[in-house]
Amino acid sequence: MTDVTSEPQPARDRTLLLQAALDGELDATAMLLFERQLVEDPALAAEYRRLGALRQAIHDKLPKLRASEDFRNRMEAIATPPPPVAQLARKWFGEWQQTAMAASLALALGSGLTFLMLPRQGPDVTQTLIAGHVRGMIADQPTDVASSDRHTVKPWFATRVTQAPQVVDLSAAGFALAGGRVDVIDDKPVATLVFRHLKHVISVSELPGTPAHWGLVEGHRMIKGYSTYTWTTGETPDNKTTYIAVSDIAPGELDALAAAFRKAVAAEH
């Protein structure tokens, strides 16, 4: 673990310290000491900001590569052993049922009936994120990377999730950034930001797409004593991003956080 003290440090040690802070390798105590040192050492603070801005600029300019759905399906098919005869029979019968259902739907639509899309199947996303919030609260600290500097938190996510989250400064609204962590939904890593408000901790998870895609609806839910609030940013379905805030705080406080979050995102665009 990198040692952070207030004593003067050789250039090499200062470089290692800056790199550790930018990479999110400092624990909560070391990060707090480092932030205190930034206040006391303007030159170190300037270098930290310069390196953070440089890393962010490089990250923003690099192409974001993602395997296509067809490629992932082909890879899964290669890795999956052929099913036994009984499974093939069930699969054939299932496909026959689907064909018959599709024909029935086509006839019904031709009669002027409208059908709604079925909701997403699988574990409740909100309950999964509540479980992640609870795990964070009972751990030594609720974050994997502890920092109040968004230029430290955002690059930390770059190699851990498909798309780095929108990290905004909400301190003026009373919500101080404490860091971030990675939660998991359907075996996929999800970026979660952690804020502190008074004596409460608030987890805000970012999901690509619309709430409907995740089987969610916008607004409040109360589950097992925890307040949750779901909202979106983006103008069209193609660029929608869904956010879910979880805390033991009053629902009205989550409204205030969501409003401040939307305002900060709009200001950056």
C-alpha atoms as a PDB file:
ATOM      1  CA  MET A   1       0.000   0.000   0.000  1.00  0.00           C
ATOM      2  CA  THR A   2       1.290   3.449  -0.880  1.00  0.00           C
ATOM      3  CA  ASP A   3       2.364   5.490   2.163  1.00  0.00           C
ATOM      4  CA  VAL A   4       1.063   9.055   2.272  1.00  0.00           C
ATOM      5  CA  THR A   5       2.716  11.473   4.713  1.00  0.00           C
ATOM      6  CA  SER A   6       3.101  15.191   5.018  1.00  0.00           C
ATOM      7  CA  GLU A   7       6.925  14.998   4.845  1.00  0.00           C
ATOM      8  CA  PRO A   8       8.704  16.297   1.700  1.00  0.00           C
ATOM      9  CA  GLN A   9       9.049  13.500  -0.836  1.00  0.00           C
ATOM     10  CA  PRO A  10      11.618  12.804  -3.549  1.00  0.00           C
ATOM     11  CA  ALA A  11      10.426  13.336  -7.129  1.00  0.00           C
ATOM     12  CA  ARG A  12      10.209   9.590  -7.748  1.00  0.00           C
ATOM     13  CA  ASP A  13       8.037   9.024  -4.648  1.00  0.00           C
ATOM     14  CA  ARG A  14       5.778  11.923  -5.630  1.00  0.00           C
ATOM     15  CA  THR A  15       5.327  10.394  -9.103  1.00  0.00           C
ATOM     16  CA  LEU A  16       4.448   6.991  -7.635  1.00  0.00           C
ATOM     17  CA  LEU A  17       2.003   8.640  -5.237  1.00  0.00           C
ATOM     18  CA  LEU A  18       0.283  10.537  -8.057  1.00  0.00           C
ATOM     19  CA  GLN A  19       0.014   7.385 -10.146  1.00  0.00           C
ATOM     20  CA  ALA A  20      -1.442   5.415  -7.221  1.00  0.00           C
ATOM     21  CA  ALA A  21      -4.046   8.121  -6.569  1.00  0.00           C
ATOM     22  CA  LEU A  22      -5.042   8.372 -10.234  1.00  0.00           C
ATOM     23  CA  ASP A  23      -5.299   4.568 -10.526  1.00  0.00           C
ATOM     24  CA  GLY A  24      -7.517   4.329  -7.422  1.00  0.00           C
ATOM     25  CA  GLU A  25      -4.945   2.221  -5.548  1.00  0.00           C
ATOM     26  CA  LEU A  26      -5.049   4.247  -2.322  1.00  0.00           C
ATOM     27  CA  ASP A  27      -7.356   3.047   0.435  1.00  0.00           C
ATOM     28  CA  ALA A  28      -9.803   5.447   2.082  1.00  0.00           C
ATOM     29  CA  THR A  29      -7.374   6.628   4.787  1.00  0.00           C
ATOM     30  CA  ALA A  30      -4.478   7.122   2.382  1.00  0.00           C
ATOM     31  CA  MET A  31      -6.721   8.984  -0.068  1.00  0.00           C
ATOM     32  CA  LEU A  32      -7.887  11.397   2.634  1.00  0.00           C
ATOM     33  CA  LEU A  33      -4.269  12.098   3.620  1.00  0.00           C
ATOM     34  CA  PHE A  34      -3.375  12.583  -0.026  1.00  0.00           C
ATOM     35  CA  GLU A  35      -6.214  15.076  -0.525  1.00  0.00           C
ATOM     36  CA  ARG A  36      -5.001  16.980   2.544  1.00  0.00           C
ATOM     37  CA  GLN A  37      -1.526  17.034   1.016  1.00  0.00           C
ATOM     38  CA  LEU A  38      -2.980  18.471  -2.218  1.00  0.00           C
ATOM     39  CA  VAL A  39      -4.361  21.387  -0.216  1.00  0.00           C
ATOM     40  CA  GLU A  40      -0.983  22.003   1.433  1.00  0.00           C
ATOM     41  CA  ASP A  41       1.101  21.588  -1.728  1.00  0.00           C
ATOM     42  CA  PRO A  42      -0.146  23.683  -4.693  1.00  0.00           C
ATOM     43  CA  ALA A  43       2.531  22.273  -7.009  1.00  0.00           C
ATOM     44  CA  LEU A  44       1.453  18.709  -6.267  1.00  0.00           C
ATOM     45  CA  ALA A  45      -2.202  19.683  -6.746  1.00  0.00           C
ATOM     46  CA  ALA A  46      -1.420  21.301 -10.108  1.00  0.00           C
ATOM     47  CA  GLU A  47       0.463  18.217 -11.305  1.00  0.00           C
ATOM     48  CA  TYR A  48      -2.394  15.985 -10.114  1.00  0.00           C
ATOM     49  CA  ARG A  49      -4.938  18.025 -12.070  1.00  0.00           C
ATOM     50  CA  ARG A  50      -2.699  18.055 -15.159  1.00  0.00           C
ATOM     51  CA  LEU A  51      -2.224  14.281 -15.137  1.00  0.00           C
ATOM     52  CA  GLY A  52      -5.918  13.692 -14.458  1.00  0.00           C
ATOM     53  CA  ALA A  53      -6.922  15.906 -17.376  1.00  0.00           C
ATOM     54  CA  LEU A  54      -4.381  14.182 -19.645  1.00  0.00           C
ATOM     55  CA  ARG A  55      -5.665  10.711 -18.733  1.00  0.00           C
ATOM     56  CA  GLN A  56      -9.251  11.820 -19.311  1.00  0.00           C
ATOM     57  CA  ALA A  57      -8.398  13.349 -22.694  1.00  0.00           C
ATOM     58  CA  ILE A  58      -6.663  10.140 -23.803  1.00  0.00           C
ATOM     59  CA  HIS A  59      -9.582   8.043 -22.596  1.00  0.00           C
ATOM     60  CA  ASP A  60     -12.137  10.232 -24.397  1.00  0.00           C
ATOM     61  CA  LYS A  61     -10.240  10.024 -27.699  1.00  0.00           C
ATOM     62  CA  LEU A  62      -9.650   6.254 -27.669  1.00  0.00           C
ATOM     63  CA  PRO A  63     -12.221   4.297 -29.667  1.00  0.00           C
ATOM     64  CA  LYS A  64     -14.634   2.310 -27.491  1.00  0.00           C
ATOM     65  CA  LEU A  65     -14.621  -1.180 -28.939  1.00  0.00           C
ATOM     66  CA  ARG A  66     -17.357  -3.636 -28.138  1.00  0.00           C
ATOM     67  CA  ALA A  67     -17.983  -7.063 -29.589  1.00  0.00           C
ATOM     68  CA  SER A  68     -21.154  -7.283 -31.669  1.00  0.00           C
ATOM     69  CA  GLU A  69     -24.112  -9.336 -30.486  1.00  0.00           C
ATOM     70  CA  ASP A  70     -23.605 -11.738 -33.410  1.00  0.00           C
ATOM     71  CA  PHE A  71     -19.935 -12.283 -32.495  1.00  0.00           C
ATOM     72  CA  ARG A  72     -20.775 -12.972 -28.832  1.00  0.00           C
ATOM     73  CA  ASN A  73     -23.505 -15.410 -29.839  1.00  0.00           C
ATOM     74  CA  ARG A  74     -21.090 -17.294 -32.137  1.00  0.00           C
ATOM     75  CA  MET A  75     -18.477 -17.483 -29.366  1.00  0.00           C
ATOM     76  CA  GLU A  76     -21.058 -18.815 -26.930  1.00  0.00           C
ATOM     77  CA  ALA A  77     -22.151 -21.383 -29.483  1.00  0.00           C
ATOM     78  CA  ILE A  78     -18.558 -22.601 -29.911  1.00  0.00           C
ATOM     79  CA  ALA A  79     -18.101 -22.879 -26.139  1.00  0.00           C
ATOM     80  CA  THR A  80     -21.445 -24.656 -25.554  1.00  0.00           C
ATOM     81  CA  PRO A  81     -21.438 -28.485 -25.901  1.00  0.00           C
ATOM     82  CA  PRO A  82     -24.110 -30.004 -28.191  1.00  0.00           C
ATOM     83  CA  PRO A  83     -27.344 -30.815 -26.292  1.00  0.00           C
ATOM     84  CA  PRO A  84     -28.545 -34.409 -25.817  1.00  0.00           C
ATOM     85  CA  VAL A  85     -31.325 -35.801 -27.969  1.00  0.00           C
ATOM     86  CA  ALA A  86     -34.010 -35.119 -25.350  1.00  0.00           C
ATOM     87  CA  GLN A  87     -33.049 -31.454 -25.214  1.00  0.00           C
ATOM     88  CA  LEU A  88     -33.098 -31.225 -29.002  1.00  0.00           C
ATOM     89  CA  ALA A  89     -36.604 -32.651 -29.008  1.00  0.00           C
ATOM     90  CA  ARG A  90     -37.776 -30.129 -26.431  1.00  0.00           C
ATOM     91  CA  LYS A  91     -36.083 -27.324 -28.395  1.00  0.00           C
ATOM     92  CA  TRP A  92     -37.808 -28.394 -31.627  1.00  0.00           C
ATOM     93  CA  PHE A  93     -41.181 -28.552 -29.879  1.00  0.00           C
ATOM     94  CA  GLY A  94     -40.561 -25.123 -28.325  1.00  0.00           C
ATOM     95  CA  GLU A  95     -39.722 -23.637 -31.723  1.00  0.00           C
ATOM     96  CA  TRP A  96     -42.882 -25.174 -33.151  1.00  0.00           C
ATOM     97  CA  GLN A  97     -44.891 -23.538 -30.359  1.00  0.00           C
ATOM     98  CA  GLN A  98     -43.215 -20.192 -31.049  1.00  0.00           C
ATOM     99  CA  THR A  99     -44.049 -20.476 -34.750  1.00  0.00           C
ATOM    100  CA  ALA A 100     -47.668 -21.206 -33.962  1.00  0.00           C
ATOM    101  CA  MET A 101     -47.805 -18.299 -31.503  1.00  0.00           C
ATOM    102  CA  ALA A 102     -46.266 -15.941 -34.068  1.00  0.00           C
ATOM    103  CA  ALA A 103     -48.903 -16.951 -36.607  1.00  0.00           C
ATOM    104  CA  SER A 104     -51.651 -16.314 -34.041  1.00  0.00           C
ATOM    105  CA  LEU A 105     -50.213 -12.908 -33.211  1.00  0.00           C
ATOM    106  CA  ALA A 106     -50.079 -11.983 -36.902  1.00  0.00           C
ATOM    107  CA  LEU A 107     -53.752 -12.879 -37.263  1.00  0.00           C
ATOM    108  CA  ALA A 108     -54.664 -10.898 -34.157  1.00  0.00           C
ATOM    109  CA  LEU A 109     -52.737  -7.843 -35.328  1.00  0.00           C
ATOM    110  CA  GLY A 110     -54.525  -8.095 -38.641  1.00  0.00           C
ATOM    111  CA  SER A 111     -57.771  -7.785 -36.680  1.00  0.00           C
ATOM    112  CA  GLY A 112     -56.628  -4.477 -35.222  1.00  0.00           C
ATOM    113  CA  LEU A 113     -55.522  -5.719 -31.763  1.00  0.00           C
ATOM    114  CA  THR A 114     -52.484  -4.153 -30.045  1.00  0.00           C
ATOM    115  CA  PHE A 115     -50.139  -6.115 -27.820  1.00  0.00           C
ATOM    116  CA  LEU A 116     -47.631  -4.838 -25.292  1.00  0.00           C
ATOM    117  CA  MET A 117     -44.053  -6.119 -25.154  1.00  0.00           C
ATOM    118  CA  LEU A 118     -43.430  -8.625 -22.378  1.00  0.00           C
ATOM    119  CA  PRO A 119     -41.323  -7.233 -19.492  1.00  0.00           C
ATOM    120  CA  ARG A 120     -37.761  -8.311 -18.971  1.00  0.00           C
ATOM    121  CA  GLN A 121     -37.453 -11.671 -17.228  1.00  0.00           C
ATOM    122  CA  GLY A 122     -34.893 -12.394 -14.523  1.00  0.00           C
ATOM    123  CA  PRO A 123     -33.900 -11.046 -11.102  1.00  0.00           C
ATOM    124  CA  ASP A 124     -35.391  -7.704 -10.041  1.00  0.00           C
ATOM    125  CA  VAL A 125     -32.760  -5.102 -10.931  1.00  0.00           C
ATOM    126  CA  THR A 126     -33.687  -2.768  -8.078  1.00  0.00           C
ATOM    127  CA  GLN A 127     -33.485  -5.541  -5.481  1.00  0.00           C
ATOM    128  CA  THR A 128     -30.113  -6.612  -6.889  1.00  0.00           C
ATOM    129  CA  LEU A 129     -28.784  -3.057  -6.521  1.00  0.00           C
ATOM    130  CA  ILE A 130     -30.191  -2.816  -2.986  1.00  0.00           C
ATOM    131  CA  ALA A 131     -28.249  -5.979  -2.151  1.00  0.00           C
ATOM    132  CA  GLY A 132     -25.088  -4.334  -3.538  1.00  0.00           C
ATOM    133  CA  HIS A 133     -25.765  -1.216  -1.442  1.00  0.00           C
ATOM    134  CA  VAL A 134     -26.190  -3.341   1.700  1.00  0.00           C
ATOM    135  CA  ARG A 135     -22.979  -5.270   0.996  1.00  0.00           C
ATOM    136  CA  GLY A 136     -21.159  -1.957   0.650  1.00  0.00           C
ATOM    137  CA  MET A 137     -22.566  -0.690   3.943  1.00  0.00           C
ATOM    138  CA  ILE A 138     -21.497  -3.738   5.943  1.00  0.00           C
ATOM    139  CA  ALA A 139     -18.022  -3.831   4.352  1.00  0.00           C
ATOM    140  CA  ASP A 140     -15.078  -1.820   5.672  1.00  0.00           C
ATOM    141  CA  GLN A 141     -16.054   0.907   3.208  1.00  0.00           C
ATOM    142  CA  PRO A 142     -18.907   1.226   0.671  1.00  0.00           C
ATOM    143  CA  THR A 143     -16.556   1.906  -2.272  1.00  0.00           C
ATOM    144  CA  ASP A 144     -13.930   0.077  -4.301  1.00  0.00           C
ATOM    145  CA  VAL A 145     -12.253   3.390  -5.119  1.00  0.00           C
ATOM    146  CA  ALA A 146     -12.465   6.079  -2.425  1.00  0.00           C
ATOM    147  CA  SER A 147     -12.112   9.657  -3.648  1.00  0.00           C
ATOM    148  CA  SER A 148     -14.031  12.921  -3.761  1.00  0.00           C
ATOM    149  CA  ASP A 149     -12.297  13.779  -7.062  1.00  0.00           C
ATOM    150  CA  ARG A 150     -14.354  12.783 -10.080  1.00  0.00           C
ATOM    151  CA  HIS A 151     -11.199  12.868 -12.235  1.00  0.00           C
ATOM    152  CA  THR A 152      -9.940   9.977 -10.117  1.00  0.00           C
ATOM    153  CA  VAL A 153     -13.197   8.031  -9.946  1.00  0.00           C
ATOM    154  CA  LYS A 154     -14.110   8.119 -13.656  1.00  0.00           C
ATOM    155  CA  PRO A 155     -10.757   6.778 -14.986  1.00  0.00           C
ATOM    156  CA  TRP A 156     -10.881   4.002 -12.382  1.00  0.00           C
ATOM    157  CA  PHE A 157     -14.030   2.640 -14.054  1.00  0.00           C
ATOM    158  CA  ALA A 158     -12.461   2.735 -17.533  1.00  0.00           C
ATOM    159  CA  THR A 159     -11.012  -0.800 -17.375  1.00  0.00           C
ATOM    160  CA  ARG A 160     -13.771  -2.279 -15.215  1.00  0.00           C
ATOM    161  CA  VAL A 161     -17.034  -1.530 -17.030  1.00  0.00           C
ATOM    162  CA  THR A 162     -17.987  -1.328 -20.708  1.00  0.00           C
ATOM    163  CA  GLN A 163     -18.583   2.407 -20.581  1.00  0.00           C
ATOM    164  CA  ALA A 164     -17.235   4.829 -17.983  1.00  0.00           C
ATOM    165  CA  PRO A 165     -20.121   6.387 -16.034  1.00  0.00           C
ATOM    166  CA  GLN A 166     -21.185  10.022 -15.911  1.00  0.00           C
ATOM    167  CA  VAL A 167     -19.375  11.327 -12.804  1.00  0.00           C
ATOM    168  CA  VAL A 168     -20.637  14.730 -11.662  1.00  0.00           C
ATOM    169  CA  ASP A 169     -19.860  17.093  -8.783  1.00  0.00           C
ATOM    170  CA  LEU A 170     -22.959  17.471  -6.602  1.00  0.00           C
ATOM    171  CA  SER A 171     -21.223  18.920  -3.531  1.00  0.00           C
ATOM    172  CA  ALA A 172     -22.922  22.304  -4.025  1.00  0.00           C
ATOM    173  CA  ALA A 173     -26.281  20.532  -3.628  1.00  0.00           C
ATOM    174  CA  GLY A 174     -25.123  18.792  -0.445  1.00  0.00           C
ATOM    175  CA  PHE A 175     -24.202  15.423  -1.965  1.00  0.00           C
ATOM    176  CA  ALA A 176     -20.466  14.785  -1.612  1.00  0.00           C
ATOM    177  CA  LEU A 177     -18.835  12.213  -3.886  1.00  0.00           C
ATOM    178  CA  ALA A 178     -17.235   9.445  -1.787  1.00  0.00           C
ATOM    179  CA  GLY A 179     -16.042   7.183  -4.611  1.00  0.00           C
ATOM    180  CA  GLY A 180     -17.398   4.307  -6.657  1.00  0.00           C
ATOM    181  CA  ARG A 181     -17.696   0.548  -6.903  1.00  0.00           C
ATOM    182  CA  VAL A 182     -18.699  -2.135  -9.399  1.00  0.00           C
ATOM    183  CA  ASP A 183     -21.982  -4.011  -8.889  1.00  0.00           C
ATOM    184  CA  VAL A 184     -23.106  -6.974 -11.010  1.00  0.00           C
ATOM    185  CA  ILE A 185     -26.439  -7.462 -12.839  1.00  0.00           C
ATOM    186  CA  ASP A 186     -26.959 -10.580 -14.976  1.00  0.00           C
ATOM    187  CA  ASP A 187     -23.203 -11.288 -14.794  1.00  0.00           C
ATOM    188  CA  LYS A 188     -22.479  -7.821 -16.250  1.00  0.00           C
ATOM    189  CA  PRO A 189     -20.446  -5.188 -14.347  1.00  0.00           C
ATOM    190  CA  VAL A 190     -22.363  -2.010 -13.538  1.00  0.00           C
ATOM    191  CA  ALA A 191     -20.823   1.287 -12.426  1.00  0.00           C
ATOM    192  CA  THR A 192     -22.132   2.580  -9.094  1.00  0.00           C
ATOM    193  CA  LEU A 193     -21.237   6.009  -7.689  1.00  0.00           C
ATOM    194  CA  VAL A 194     -21.369   6.565  -3.934  1.00  0.00           C
ATOM    195  CA  PHE A 195     -22.396   9.899  -2.408  1.00  0.00           C
ATOM    196  CA  ARG A 196     -22.670  11.043   1.206  1.00  0.00           C
ATOM    197  CA  HIS A 197     -25.458  13.328   2.432  1.00  0.00           C
ATOM    198  CA  LEU A 198     -25.458  14.240   6.126  1.00  0.00           C
ATOM    199  CA  LYS A 199     -25.073  10.830   7.834  1.00  0.00           C
ATOM    200  CA  HIS A 200     -26.447   8.839   4.918  1.00  0.00           C
ATOM    201  CA  VAL A 201     -24.790   6.952   2.056  1.00  0.00           C
ATOM    202  CA  ILE A 202     -26.443   6.965  -1.373  1.00  0.00           C
ATOM    203  CA  SER A 203     -25.572   4.512  -4.164  1.00  0.00           C
ATOM    204  CA  VAL A 204     -26.306   5.643  -7.735  1.00  0.00           C
ATOM    205  CA  SER A 205     -25.996   2.963 -10.426  1.00  0.00           C
ATOM    206  CA  GLU A 206     -25.870   3.715 -14.160  1.00  0.00           C
ATOM    207  CA  LEU A 207     -27.469   1.371 -16.712  1.00  0.00           C
ATOM    208  CA  PRO A 208     -27.434   1.849 -20.490  1.00  0.00           C
ATOM    209  CA  GLY A 209     -30.820   2.068 -22.175  1.00  0.00           C
ATOM    210  CA  THR A 210     -34.346   2.830 -21.033  1.00  0.00           C
ATOM    211  CA  PRO A 211     -35.982   1.719 -17.753  1.00  0.00           C
ATOM    212  CA  ALA A 212     -38.348  -0.505 -19.741  1.00  0.00           C
ATOM    213  CA  HIS A 213     -35.364  -2.437 -21.117  1.00  0.00           C
ATOM    214  CA  TRP A 214     -34.459  -3.373 -17.517  1.00  0.00           C
ATOM    215  CA  GLY A 215     -38.031  -4.063 -16.429  1.00  0.00           C
ATOM    216  CA  LEU A 216     -38.163  -0.779 -14.478  1.00  0.00           C
ATOM    217  CA  VAL A 217     -40.410   2.249 -14.279  1.00  0.00           C
ATOM    218  CA  GLU A 218     -39.294   5.750 -13.398  1.00  0.00           C
ATOM    219  CA  GLY A 219     -40.056   7.035  -9.917  1.00  0.00           C
ATOM    220  CA  HIS A 220     -39.904   5.859  -6.307  1.00  0.00           C
ATOM    221  CA  ARG A 221     -40.014   2.412  -4.781  1.00  0.00           C
ATOM    222  CA  MET A 222     -39.703   1.335  -1.137  1.00  0.00           C
ATOM    223  CA  ILE A 223     -38.194  -2.128  -0.685  1.00  0.00           C
ATOM    224  CA  LYS A 224     -37.348  -3.607   2.721  1.00  0.00           C
ATOM    225  CA  GLY A 225     -36.953  -0.183   4.294  1.00  0.00           C
ATOM    226  CA  TYR A 226     -34.783   1.274   1.508  1.00  0.00           C
ATOM    227  CA  SER A 227     -35.783   4.194  -0.697  1.00  0.00           C
ATOM    228  CA  THR A 228     -35.055   3.901  -4.404  1.00  0.00           C
ATOM    229  CA  TYR A 229     -35.538   6.376  -7.219  1.00  0.00           C
ATOM    230  CA  THR A 230     -35.199   5.675 -10.947  1.00  0.00           C
ATOM    231  CA  TRP A 231     -34.718   8.397 -13.552  1.00  0.00           C
ATOM    232  CA  THR A 232     -33.237   8.814 -17.027  1.00  0.00           C
ATOM    233  CA  THR A 233     -31.145  11.209 -19.078  1.00  0.00           C
ATOM    234  CA  GLY A 234     -31.005  11.514 -22.864  1.00  0.00           C
ATOM    235  CA  GLU A 235     -33.433  12.797 -25.452  1.00  0.00           C
ATOM    236  CA  THR A 236     -34.119   9.695 -27.563  1.00  0.00           C
ATOM    237  CA  PRO A 237     -34.378   5.940 -26.803  1.00  0.00           C
ATOM    238  CA  ASP A 238     -31.038   5.425 -28.562  1.00  0.00           C
ATOM    239  CA  ASN A 239     -29.105   7.608 -26.125  1.00  0.00           C
ATOM    240  CA  LYS A 240     -31.115   7.030 -22.947  1.00  0.00           C
ATOM    241  CA  THR A 241     -29.274   6.216 -19.732  1.00  0.00           C
ATOM    242  CA  THR A 242     -31.078   4.894 -16.653  1.00  0.00           C
ATOM    243  CA  TYR A 243     -30.023   5.764 -13.098  1.00  0.00           C
ATOM    244  CA  ILE A 244     -31.153   4.079  -9.877  1.00  0.00           C
ATOM    245  CA  ALA A 245     -30.427   5.673  -6.489  1.00  0.00           C
ATOM    246  CA  VAL A 246     -30.590   3.532  -3.333  1.00  0.00           C
ATOM    247  CA  SER A 247     -30.395   4.711   0.279  1.00  0.00           C
ATOM    248  CA  ASP A 248     -32.062   4.588   3.686  1.00  0.00           C
ATOM    249  CA  ILE A 249     -32.730   8.315   3.280  1.00  0.00           C
ATOM    250  CA  ALA A 250     -36.139   9.982   2.876  1.00  0.00           C
ATOM    251  CA  PRO A 251     -37.546   9.733  -0.696  1.00  0.00           C
ATOM    252  CA  GLY A 252     -37.581  13.524  -1.042  1.00  0.00           C
ATOM    253  CA  GLU A 253     -33.797  13.635  -0.643  1.00  0.00           C
ATOM    254  CA  LEU A 254     -33.419  11.264  -3.591  1.00  0.00           C
ATOM    255  CA  ASP A 255     -35.595  13.648  -5.624  1.00  0.00           C
ATOM    256  CA  ALA A 256     -33.149  16.438  -4.792  1.00  0.00           C
ATOM    257  CA  LEU A 257     -30.155  14.286  -5.761  1.00  0.00           C
ATOM    258  CA  ALA A 258     -31.751  13.297  -9.084  1.00  0.00           C
ATOM    259  CA  ALA A 259     -32.582  16.929  -9.879  1.00  0.00           C
ATOM    260  CA  ALA A 260     -29.004  18.019  -9.103  1.00  0.00           C
ATOM    261  CA  PHE A 261     -27.651  15.094 -11.154  1.00  0.00           C
ATOM    262  CA  ARG A 262     -29.773  15.996 -14.204  1.00  0.00           C
ATOM    263  CA  LYS A 263     -28.730  19.634 -13.945  1.00  0.00           C
ATOM    264  CA  ALA A 264     -25.026  18.726 -13.737  1.00  0.00           C
ATOM    265  CA  VAL A 265     -25.259  16.352 -16.718  1.00  0.00           C
ATOM    266  CA  ALA A 266     -27.082  18.983 -18.784  1.00  0.00           C
ATOM    267  CA  ALA A 267     -24.428  21.583 -17.905  1.00  0.00           C
ATOM    268  CA  GLU A 268     -21.680  19.290 -19.214  1.00  0.00           C
ATOM    269  CA  HIS A 269     -23.453  18.777 -22.534  1.00  0.00           C
END
